[in-house]
Amino acid sequence: MIKRLTRHGNSLALVIDKGVLELLEIGADTPLSITTDGKCLVLTPVRDEGRRKRFRAALEEGNRRYRKVLERLAD
């Protein structure tokens, strides 16, 4: 997808399509972390710590439960 910046007062804005916003589960009130490596701009939704902990716990449980299967698949 190629986008162009649009004028917004004395600044420039990037309009993000509704489909992308829905895919990332972000909206106008979602805080975004903006980082760069000097060549690329990266926007990342800032999620609450509770969501991150629940995800990490689910990931660890899945790894524990399916460890042997995952190891066989990796071979």
N, C-alpha and C. Protein backbone atom coordinates (compact mmCIF):
# COMPACT_ATOMS: atom_id res chain seq x y z
N MET A 1 0.85 -1.17 0.00
CA MET A 1 0.00 0.00 0.00
C MET A 1 0.90 1.23 0.00
N ILE A 2 0.64 2.13 -0.88
CA ILE A 2 1.39 3.39 -0.95
C ILE A 2 0.46 4.52 -0.53
N LYS A 3 0.92 5.34 0.39
CA LYS A 3 0.14 6.46 0.90
C LYS A 3 0.92 7.75 0.72
N ARG A 4 0.23 8.85 0.70
CA ARG A 4 0.84 10.17 0.67
C ARG A 4 0.42 10.93 1.94
N LEU A 5 1.31 11.78 2.42
CA LEU A 5 0.98 12.63 3.55
C LEU A 5 0.03 13.72 3.08
N THR A 6 -0.85 14.17 3.96
CA THR A 6 -1.77 15.25 3.65
C THR A 6 -1.53 16.41 4.60
N ARG A 7 -1.81 17.61 4.14
CA ARG A 7 -1.64 18.80 4.99
C ARG A 7 -2.69 18.80 6.10
N HIS A 8 -2.24 19.16 7.29
CA HIS A 8 -3.13 19.28 8.44
C HIS A 8 -2.63 20.50 9.22
N GLY A 9 -3.15 21.67 8.88
CA GLY A 9 -2.63 22.90 9.48
C GLY A 9 -1.20 23.12 9.01
N ASN A 10 -0.29 23.34 9.96
CA ASN A 10 1.13 23.52 9.62
C ASN A 10 1.89 22.20 9.66
N SER A 11 1.17 21.09 9.78
CA SER A 11 1.81 19.77 9.88
C SER A 11 1.38 18.90 8.71
N LEU A 12 1.90 17.69 8.70
CA LEU A 12 1.49 16.69 7.73
C LEU A 12 0.88 15.52 8.48
N ALA A 13 -0.09 14.87 7.88
CA ALA A 13 -0.78 13.75 8.52
C ALA A 13 -0.79 12.55 7.60
N LEU A 14 -0.82 11.38 8.18
CA LEU A 14 -0.95 10.14 7.44
C LEU A 14 -2.33 9.57 7.75
N VAL A 15 -3.14 9.39 6.73
CA VAL A 15 -4.48 8.84 6.91
C VAL A 15 -4.38 7.32 6.78
N ILE A 16 -4.84 6.62 7.80
CA ILE A 16 -4.77 5.16 7.82
C ILE A 16 -6.16 4.62 7.49
N ASP A 17 -6.23 3.73 6.52
CA ASP A 17 -7.50 3.18 6.07
C ASP A 17 -8.21 2.42 7.18
N LYS A 18 -9.55 2.43 7.12
CA LYS A 18 -10.37 1.79 8.14
C LYS A 18 -10.05 0.30 8.28
N GLY A 19 -9.80 -0.39 7.18
CA GLY A 19 -9.49 -1.81 7.23
C GLY A 19 -8.22 -2.10 8.03
N VAL A 20 -7.22 -1.26 7.87
CA VAL A 20 -5.96 -1.42 8.62
C VAL A 20 -6.21 -1.15 10.09
N LEU A 21 -6.98 -0.11 10.38
CA LEU A 21 -7.29 0.21 11.78
C LEU A 21 -8.03 -0.95 12.45
N GLU A 22 -8.98 -1.54 11.73
CA GLU A 22 -9.72 -2.68 12.29
C GLU A 22 -8.82 -3.89 12.48
N LEU A 23 -7.94 -4.14 11.52
CA LEU A 23 -7.02 -5.27 11.62
C LEU A 23 -6.12 -5.14 12.85
N LEU A 24 -5.64 -3.93 13.10
CA LEU A 24 -4.74 -3.68 14.24
C LEU A 24 -5.48 -3.41 15.54
N GLU A 25 -6.82 -3.34 15.44
CA GLU A 25 -7.66 -3.04 16.60
C GLU A 25 -7.25 -1.73 17.27
N ILE A 26 -7.11 -0.69 16.45
CA ILE A 26 -6.77 0.63 16.98
C ILE A 26 -7.81 1.65 16.51
N GLY A 27 -7.93 2.71 17.26
CA GLY A 27 -8.86 3.77 16.93
C GLY A 27 -8.26 5.11 17.30
N ALA A 28 -9.10 6.14 17.28
CA ALA A 28 -8.63 7.50 17.55
C ALA A 28 -8.06 7.65 18.96
N ASP A 29 -8.51 6.83 19.90
CA ASP A 29 -8.06 6.95 21.29
C ASP A 29 -6.89 6.01 21.63
N THR A 30 -6.43 5.22 20.67
CA THR A 30 -5.35 4.27 20.94
C THR A 30 -4.01 5.00 20.92
N PRO A 31 -3.24 4.94 22.00
CA PRO A 31 -1.92 5.57 21.97
C PRO A 31 -0.99 4.76 21.05
N LEU A 32 -0.15 5.47 20.30
CA LEU A 32 0.78 4.84 19.38
C LEU A 32 2.21 5.19 19.75
N SER A 33 3.08 4.22 19.71
CA SER A 33 4.51 4.43 19.89
C SER A 33 5.11 4.64 18.50
N ILE A 34 5.87 5.72 18.33
CA ILE A 34 6.48 6.01 17.04
C ILE A 34 7.99 5.87 17.19
N THR A 35 8.59 4.98 16.39
CA THR A 35 10.03 4.78 16.42
C THR A 35 10.56 4.82 14.98
N THR A 36 11.87 4.94 14.87
CA THR A 36 12.50 4.94 13.57
C THR A 36 13.92 4.41 13.69
N ASP A 37 14.41 3.83 12.60
CA ASP A 37 15.81 3.43 12.55
C ASP A 37 16.59 4.41 11.67
N GLY A 38 15.99 5.51 11.33
CA GLY A 38 16.61 6.51 10.47
C GLY A 38 16.17 6.37 9.02
N LYS A 39 15.57 5.24 8.67
CA LYS A 39 15.10 5.01 7.31
C LYS A 39 13.63 4.67 7.25
N CYS A 40 13.12 4.03 8.31
CA CYS A 40 11.73 3.57 8.36
C CYS A 40 11.04 4.16 9.58
N LEU A 41 9.77 4.43 9.42
CA LEU A 41 8.93 4.89 10.51
C LEU A 41 8.06 3.72 10.95
N VAL A 42 8.04 3.45 12.24
CA VAL A 42 7.27 2.32 12.77
C VAL A 42 6.27 2.84 13.79
N LEU A 43 4.99 2.59 13.53
CA LEU A 43 3.92 2.94 14.47
C LEU A 43 3.43 1.66 15.13
N THR A 44 3.43 1.63 16.44
CA THR A 44 3.03 0.44 17.17
C THR A 44 1.97 0.82 18.20
N PRO A 45 0.82 0.14 18.20
CA PRO A 45 -0.17 0.42 19.23
C PRO A 45 0.39 0.08 20.61
N VAL A 46 0.18 0.97 21.56
CA VAL A 46 0.61 0.71 22.94
C VAL A 46 -0.54 0.00 23.63
N ARG A 47 -0.30 -1.22 24.02
CA ARG A 47 -1.33 -2.04 24.66
C ARG A 47 -1.16 -1.97 26.17
N ASP A 48 -2.25 -2.17 26.88
CA ASP A 48 -2.16 -2.15 28.33
C ASP A 48 -1.38 -3.36 28.83
N GLU A 49 -0.80 -3.22 29.98
CA GLU A 49 0.06 -4.26 30.55
C GLU A 49 -0.72 -5.54 30.82
N GLY A 50 -1.98 -5.42 31.22
CA GLY A 50 -2.80 -6.61 31.48
C GLY A 50 -2.95 -7.46 30.24
N ARG A 51 -3.18 -6.83 29.10
CA ARG A 51 -3.31 -7.57 27.85
C ARG A 51 -2.01 -8.29 27.52
N ARG A 52 -0.89 -7.61 27.71
CA ARG A 52 0.42 -8.20 27.44
C ARG A 52 0.68 -9.41 28.35
N LYS A 53 0.31 -9.29 29.63
CA LYS A 53 0.51 -10.39 30.58
C LYS A 53 -0.37 -11.59 30.21
N ARG A 54 -1.62 -11.33 29.82
CA ARG A 54 -2.52 -12.42 29.42
C ARG A 54 -1.98 -13.13 28.17
N PHE A 55 -1.46 -12.35 27.22
CA PHE A 55 -0.89 -12.95 26.01
C PHE A 55 0.32 -13.80 26.35
N ARG A 56 1.21 -13.27 27.19
CA ARG A 56 2.43 -14.00 27.57
C ARG A 56 2.06 -15.29 28.29
N ALA A 57 1.06 -15.24 29.18
CA ALA A 57 0.63 -16.44 29.91
C ALA A 57 0.06 -17.47 28.94
N ALA A 58 -0.75 -17.03 27.98
CA ALA A 58 -1.32 -17.96 27.00
C ALA A 58 -0.23 -18.57 26.13
N LEU A 59 0.76 -17.78 25.76
CA LEU A 59 1.87 -18.28 24.95
C LEU A 59 2.67 -19.33 25.73
N GLU A 60 2.97 -19.04 26.99
CA GLU A 60 3.72 -20.00 27.81
C GLU A 60 2.93 -21.29 28.02
N GLU A 61 1.63 -21.18 28.23
CA GLU A 61 0.78 -22.37 28.39
C GLU A 61 0.77 -23.20 27.12
N GLY A 62 0.64 -22.55 25.97
CA GLY A 62 0.67 -23.26 24.69
C GLY A 62 2.01 -23.94 24.46
N ASN A 63 3.08 -23.25 24.79
CA ASN A 63 4.42 -23.85 24.64
C ASN A 63 4.59 -25.04 25.58
N ARG A 64 4.09 -24.92 26.80
CA ARG A 64 4.19 -26.02 27.76
C ARG A 64 3.37 -27.22 27.28
N ARG A 65 2.16 -26.94 26.87
CA ARG A 65 1.24 -28.01 26.48
C ARG A 65 1.68 -28.71 25.19
N TYR A 66 2.18 -27.95 24.24
CA TYR A 66 2.50 -28.52 22.92
C TYR A 66 3.99 -28.56 22.62
N ARG A 67 4.82 -28.52 23.66
CA ARG A 67 6.27 -28.47 23.48
C ARG A 67 6.79 -29.62 22.62
N LYS A 68 6.38 -30.83 22.92
CA LYS A 68 6.89 -31.99 22.18
C LYS A 68 6.47 -31.94 20.72
N VAL A 69 5.25 -31.54 20.44
CA VAL A 69 4.78 -31.44 19.06
C VAL A 69 5.56 -30.36 18.32
N LEU A 70 5.77 -29.23 18.98
CA LEU A 70 6.51 -28.15 18.34
C LEU A 70 7.96 -28.54 18.07
N GLU A 71 8.56 -29.28 18.99
CA GLU A 71 9.92 -29.74 18.78
C GLU A 71 10.01 -30.69 17.60
N ARG A 72 9.01 -31.60 17.47
CA ARG A 72 8.99 -32.52 16.31
C ARG A 72 8.81 -31.76 15.02
N LEU A 73 7.96 -30.75 15.02
CA LEU A 73 7.75 -29.95 13.81
C LEU A 73 9.01 -29.19 13.42
N ALA A 74 9.79 -28.78 14.42
CA ALA A 74 11.01 -28.02 14.14
C ALA A 74 12.11 -28.89 13.54
N ASP A 75 12.05 -30.19 13.77
CA ASP A 75 13.09 -31.11 13.24
C ASP A 75 12.95 -31.35 11.78
